[in-house]
Amino acid sequence: MMKKQGRLITILILALIVVVFAVLNVDPVAINFGFTTVDWPLIIVIVVSLLIGAIITFLAATGSSLSQRKAQRQWTKEKADLEQGQEAKIKAAVEAEQVKQKATYDKLLADKEAELHEMNAKMKQLMQSKEV
């Protein structure tokens, strides 16, 4: 709130200075537009020059602001793309590790089942040799 009041006061002071300066300079001056020359009061020349300067400043600031917004949108999109890429890489790595772990588990399980079958076969053999 205080910033707005400070800006308003500054604008009013600057406007008052411009008005006083313009009122003190009301003599007609020759303005050459290249193809014609006109005699205008200096107050009009000052106010028109001030308005043209304000318009140029506004257009420059707007152009800069638009390019900054465009760059920010592009960076935001790139960031989102990078995050999605990272997530996809992480997901793929996790899935690959899960497949690897499952393959290792399945191999160990198959080895243990083979051992178990081998032991069962030996037990049957021992049992048959005891019966005989």
C-alpha atoms as a PDB file:
ATOM      1  CA  MET A   1       0.000   0.000   0.000  1.00  0.00           C
ATOM      2  CA  MET A   2       2.807   2.409   0.900  1.00  0.00           C
ATOM      3  CA  LYS A   3       4.545   1.697  -2.414  1.00  0.00           C
ATOM      4  CA  LYS A   4       1.435   2.700  -4.338  1.00  0.00           C
ATOM      5  CA  GLN A   5       1.143   5.942  -2.367  1.00  0.00           C
ATOM      6  CA  GLY A   6       4.825   6.697  -2.934  1.00  0.00           C
ATOM      7  CA  ARG A   7       4.462   6.105  -6.666  1.00  0.00           C
ATOM      8  CA  LEU A   8       1.337   8.248  -6.819  1.00  0.00           C
ATOM      9  CA  ILE A   9       3.089  11.122  -5.035  1.00  0.00           C
ATOM     10  CA  THR A  10       6.124  10.810  -7.334  1.00  0.00           C
ATOM     11  CA  ILE A  11       3.896  10.828 -10.431  1.00  0.00           C
ATOM     12  CA  LEU A  12       1.974  13.862  -9.185  1.00  0.00           C
ATOM     13  CA  ILE A  13       5.205  15.777  -8.476  1.00  0.00           C
ATOM     14  CA  LEU A  14       6.615  14.939 -11.910  1.00  0.00           C
ATOM     15  CA  ALA A  15       3.320  15.909 -13.580  1.00  0.00           C
ATOM     16  CA  LEU A  16       3.325  19.219 -11.696  1.00  0.00           C
ATOM     17  CA  ILE A  17       6.903  19.934 -12.806  1.00  0.00           C
ATOM     18  CA  VAL A  18       5.992  19.190 -16.443  1.00  0.00           C
ATOM     19  CA  VAL A  19       2.881  21.387 -16.257  1.00  0.00           C
ATOM     20  CA  VAL A  20       4.786  24.293 -14.697  1.00  0.00           C
ATOM     21  CA  PHE A  21       7.570  23.923 -17.272  1.00  0.00           C
ATOM     22  CA  ALA A  22       5.050  23.789 -20.113  1.00  0.00           C
ATOM     23  CA  VAL A  23       3.078  26.820 -18.857  1.00  0.00           C
ATOM     24  CA  LEU A  24       6.291  28.863 -18.620  1.00  0.00           C
ATOM     25  CA  ASN A  25       7.088  28.025 -22.253  1.00  0.00           C
ATOM     26  CA  VAL A  26       4.014  29.051 -24.264  1.00  0.00           C
ATOM     27  CA  ASP A  27       5.874  30.917 -27.032  1.00  0.00           C
ATOM     28  CA  PRO A  28       5.290  29.543 -30.536  1.00  0.00           C
ATOM     29  CA  VAL A  29       8.120  27.540 -32.071  1.00  0.00           C
ATOM     30  CA  ALA A  30       8.670  26.322 -35.618  1.00  0.00           C
ATOM     31  CA  ILE A  31       8.468  22.563 -36.018  1.00  0.00           C
ATOM     32  CA  ASN A  32       9.921  21.104 -39.229  1.00  0.00           C
ATOM     33  CA  PHE A  33       8.395  17.757 -40.256  1.00  0.00           C
ATOM     34  CA  GLY A  34      10.553  17.497 -43.382  1.00  0.00           C
ATOM     35  CA  PHE A  35       7.731  18.121 -45.818  1.00  0.00           C
ATOM     36  CA  THR A  36       6.163  21.057 -43.958  1.00  0.00           C
ATOM     37  CA  THR A  37       6.870  23.511 -41.180  1.00  0.00           C
ATOM     38  CA  VAL A  38       4.322  24.555 -38.539  1.00  0.00           C
ATOM     39  CA  ASP A  39       4.344  27.071 -35.686  1.00  0.00           C
ATOM     40  CA  TRP A  40       3.040  25.465 -32.502  1.00  0.00           C
ATOM     41  CA  PRO A  41       3.064  26.685 -28.934  1.00  0.00           C
ATOM     42  CA  LEU A  42       6.018  25.190 -27.052  1.00  0.00           C
ATOM     43  CA  ILE A  43       3.583  23.724 -24.471  1.00  0.00           C
ATOM     44  CA  ILE A  44       2.081  21.444 -27.167  1.00  0.00           C
ATOM     45  CA  VAL A  45       5.534  20.398 -28.389  1.00  0.00           C
ATOM     46  CA  ILE A  46       6.549  19.502 -24.803  1.00  0.00           C
ATOM     47  CA  VAL A  47       3.345  17.554 -24.058  1.00  0.00           C
ATOM     48  CA  VAL A  48       3.418  15.707 -27.415  1.00  0.00           C
ATOM     49  CA  SER A  49       7.109  14.857 -26.902  1.00  0.00           C
ATOM     50  CA  LEU A  50       6.316  13.600 -23.408  1.00  0.00           C
ATOM     51  CA  LEU A  51       3.455  11.451 -24.717  1.00  0.00           C
ATOM     52  CA  ILE A  52       5.587  10.019 -27.540  1.00  0.00           C
ATOM     53  CA  GLY A  53       8.328   9.181 -25.011  1.00  0.00           C
ATOM     54  CA  ALA A  54       5.791   7.492 -22.734  1.00  0.00           C
ATOM     55  CA  ILE A  55       4.394   5.443 -25.639  1.00  0.00           C
ATOM     56  CA  ILE A  56       7.886   4.358 -26.725  1.00  0.00           C
ATOM     57  CA  THR A  57       8.744   3.384 -23.137  1.00  0.00           C
ATOM     58  CA  PHE A  58       5.483   1.443 -22.786  1.00  0.00           C
ATOM     59  CA  LEU A  59       6.036  -0.412 -26.061  1.00  0.00           C
ATOM     60  CA  ALA A  60       9.634  -1.278 -25.142  1.00  0.00           C
ATOM     61  CA  ALA A  61       8.581  -2.513 -21.697  1.00  0.00           C
ATOM     62  CA  THR A  62       5.696  -4.524 -23.154  1.00  0.00           C
ATOM     63  CA  GLY A  63       7.946  -6.139 -25.768  1.00  0.00           C
ATOM     64  CA  SER A  64      10.507  -7.049 -23.128  1.00  0.00           C
ATOM     65  CA  SER A  65       7.800  -8.413 -20.846  1.00  0.00           C
ATOM     66  CA  LEU A  66       6.304 -10.515 -23.640  1.00  0.00           C
ATOM     67  CA  SER A  67       9.676 -11.995 -24.572  1.00  0.00           C
ATOM     68  CA  GLN A  68      10.347 -12.799 -20.909  1.00  0.00           C
ATOM     69  CA  ARG A  69       6.965 -14.532 -20.603  1.00  0.00           C
ATOM     70  CA  LYS A  70       7.644 -16.506 -23.778  1.00  0.00           C
ATOM     71  CA  ALA A  71      11.063 -17.559 -22.477  1.00  0.00           C
ATOM     72  CA  GLN A  72       9.542 -18.535 -19.123  1.00  0.00           C
ATOM     73  CA  ARG A  73       6.874 -20.658 -20.820  1.00  0.00           C
ATOM     74  CA  GLN A  74       9.575 -22.346 -22.906  1.00  0.00           C
ATOM     75  CA  TRP A  75      11.720 -23.023 -19.807  1.00  0.00           C
ATOM     76  CA  THR A  76       8.707 -24.382 -17.952  1.00  0.00           C
ATOM     77  CA  LYS A  77       7.938 -26.719 -20.854  1.00  0.00           C
ATOM     78  CA  GLU A  78      11.580 -27.833 -21.074  1.00  0.00           C
ATOM     79  CA  LYS A  79      11.625 -28.452 -17.328  1.00  0.00           C
ATOM     80  CA  ALA A  80       8.450 -30.547 -17.543  1.00  0.00           C
ATOM     81  CA  ASP A  81       9.896 -32.494 -20.482  1.00  0.00           C
ATOM     82  CA  LEU A  82      13.129 -33.126 -18.579  1.00  0.00           C
ATOM     83  CA  GLU A  83      11.208 -34.236 -15.491  1.00  0.00           C
ATOM     84  CA  GLN A  84       9.094 -36.619 -17.582  1.00  0.00           C
ATOM     85  CA  GLY A  85      12.252 -37.954 -19.218  1.00  0.00           C
ATOM     86  CA  GLN A  86      13.863 -38.482 -15.824  1.00  0.00           C
ATOM     87  CA  GLU A  87      10.753 -40.217 -14.509  1.00  0.00           C
ATOM     88  CA  ALA A  88      10.679 -42.481 -17.569  1.00  0.00           C
ATOM     89  CA  LYS A  89      14.379 -43.326 -17.132  1.00  0.00           C
ATOM     90  CA  ILE A  90      13.900 -44.065 -13.436  1.00  0.00           C
ATOM     91  CA  LYS A  91      10.835 -46.207 -14.147  1.00  0.00           C
ATOM     92  CA  ALA A  92      12.702 -48.106 -16.871  1.00  0.00           C
ATOM     93  CA  ALA A  93      15.694 -48.636 -14.555  1.00  0.00           C
ATOM     94  CA  VAL A  94      13.453 -49.884 -11.744  1.00  0.00           C
ATOM     95  CA  GLU A  95      11.614 -52.227 -14.115  1.00  0.00           C
ATOM     96  CA  ALA A  96      14.932 -53.527 -15.508  1.00  0.00           C
ATOM     97  CA  GLU A  97      16.198 -54.147 -11.980  1.00  0.00           C
ATOM     98  CA  GLN A  98      12.962 -55.937 -11.091  1.00  0.00           C
ATOM     99  CA  VAL A  99      13.294 -58.154 -14.168  1.00  0.00           C
ATOM    100  CA  LYS A 100      16.918 -58.867 -13.262  1.00  0.00           C
ATOM    101  CA  GLN A 101      15.994 -59.657  -9.648  1.00  0.00           C
ATOM    102  CA  LYS A 102      13.127 -61.905 -10.785  1.00  0.00           C
ATOM    103  CA  ALA A 103      15.433 -63.746 -13.172  1.00  0.00           C
ATOM    104  CA  THR A 104      17.962 -64.242 -10.359  1.00  0.00           C
ATOM    105  CA  TYR A 105      15.198 -65.416  -8.017  1.00  0.00           C
ATOM    106  CA  ASP A 106      13.767 -67.779 -10.643  1.00  0.00           C
ATOM    107  CA  LYS A 107      17.228 -69.250 -11.289  1.00  0.00           C
ATOM    108  CA  LEU A 108      17.865 -69.757  -7.574  1.00  0.00           C
ATOM    109  CA  LEU A 109      14.430 -71.317  -7.188  1.00  0.00           C
ATOM    110  CA  ALA A 110      15.054 -73.642 -10.133  1.00  0.00           C
ATOM    111  CA  ASP A 111      18.451 -74.615  -8.648  1.00  0.00           C
ATOM    112  CA  LYS A 112      16.858 -75.354  -5.273  1.00  0.00           C
ATOM    113  CA  GLU A 113      14.061 -77.366  -6.900  1.00  0.00           C
ATOM    114  CA  ALA A 114      16.674 -79.341  -8.834  1.00  0.00           C
ATOM    115  CA  GLU A 115      18.543 -79.977  -5.560  1.00  0.00           C
ATOM    116  CA  LEU A 116      15.288 -81.021  -3.924  1.00  0.00           C
ATOM    117  CA  HIS A 117      14.487 -83.474  -6.756  1.00  0.00           C
ATOM    118  CA  GLU A 118      18.016 -84.824  -6.543  1.00  0.00           C
ATOM    119  CA  MET A 119      17.683 -85.311  -2.772  1.00  0.00           C
ATOM    120  CA  ASN A 120      14.265 -86.947  -3.212  1.00  0.00           C
ATOM    121  CA  ALA A 121      15.753 -89.299  -5.775  1.00  0.00           C
ATOM    122  CA  LYS A 122      18.618 -90.184  -3.401  1.00  0.00           C
ATOM    123  CA  MET A 123      16.128 -90.734  -0.555  1.00  0.00           C
ATOM    124  CA  LYS A 124      14.065 -93.094  -2.743  1.00  0.00           C
ATOM    125  CA  GLN A 125      17.206 -94.930  -3.679  1.00  0.00           C
ATOM    126  CA  LEU A 126      18.218 -95.260  -0.023  1.00  0.00           C
ATOM    127  CA  MET A 127      14.739 -96.416   0.924  1.00  0.00           C
ATOM    128  CA  GLN A 128      14.735 -99.030  -1.823  1.00  0.00           C
ATOM    129  CA  SER A 129      18.210-100.239  -0.823  1.00  0.00           C
ATOM    130  CA  LYS A 130      17.027-100.628   2.823  1.00  0.00           C
ATOM    131  CA  GLU A 131      13.972-102.647   1.747  1.00  0.00           C
ATOM    132  CA  VAL A 132      15.980-105.075  -0.205  1.00  0.00           C
END
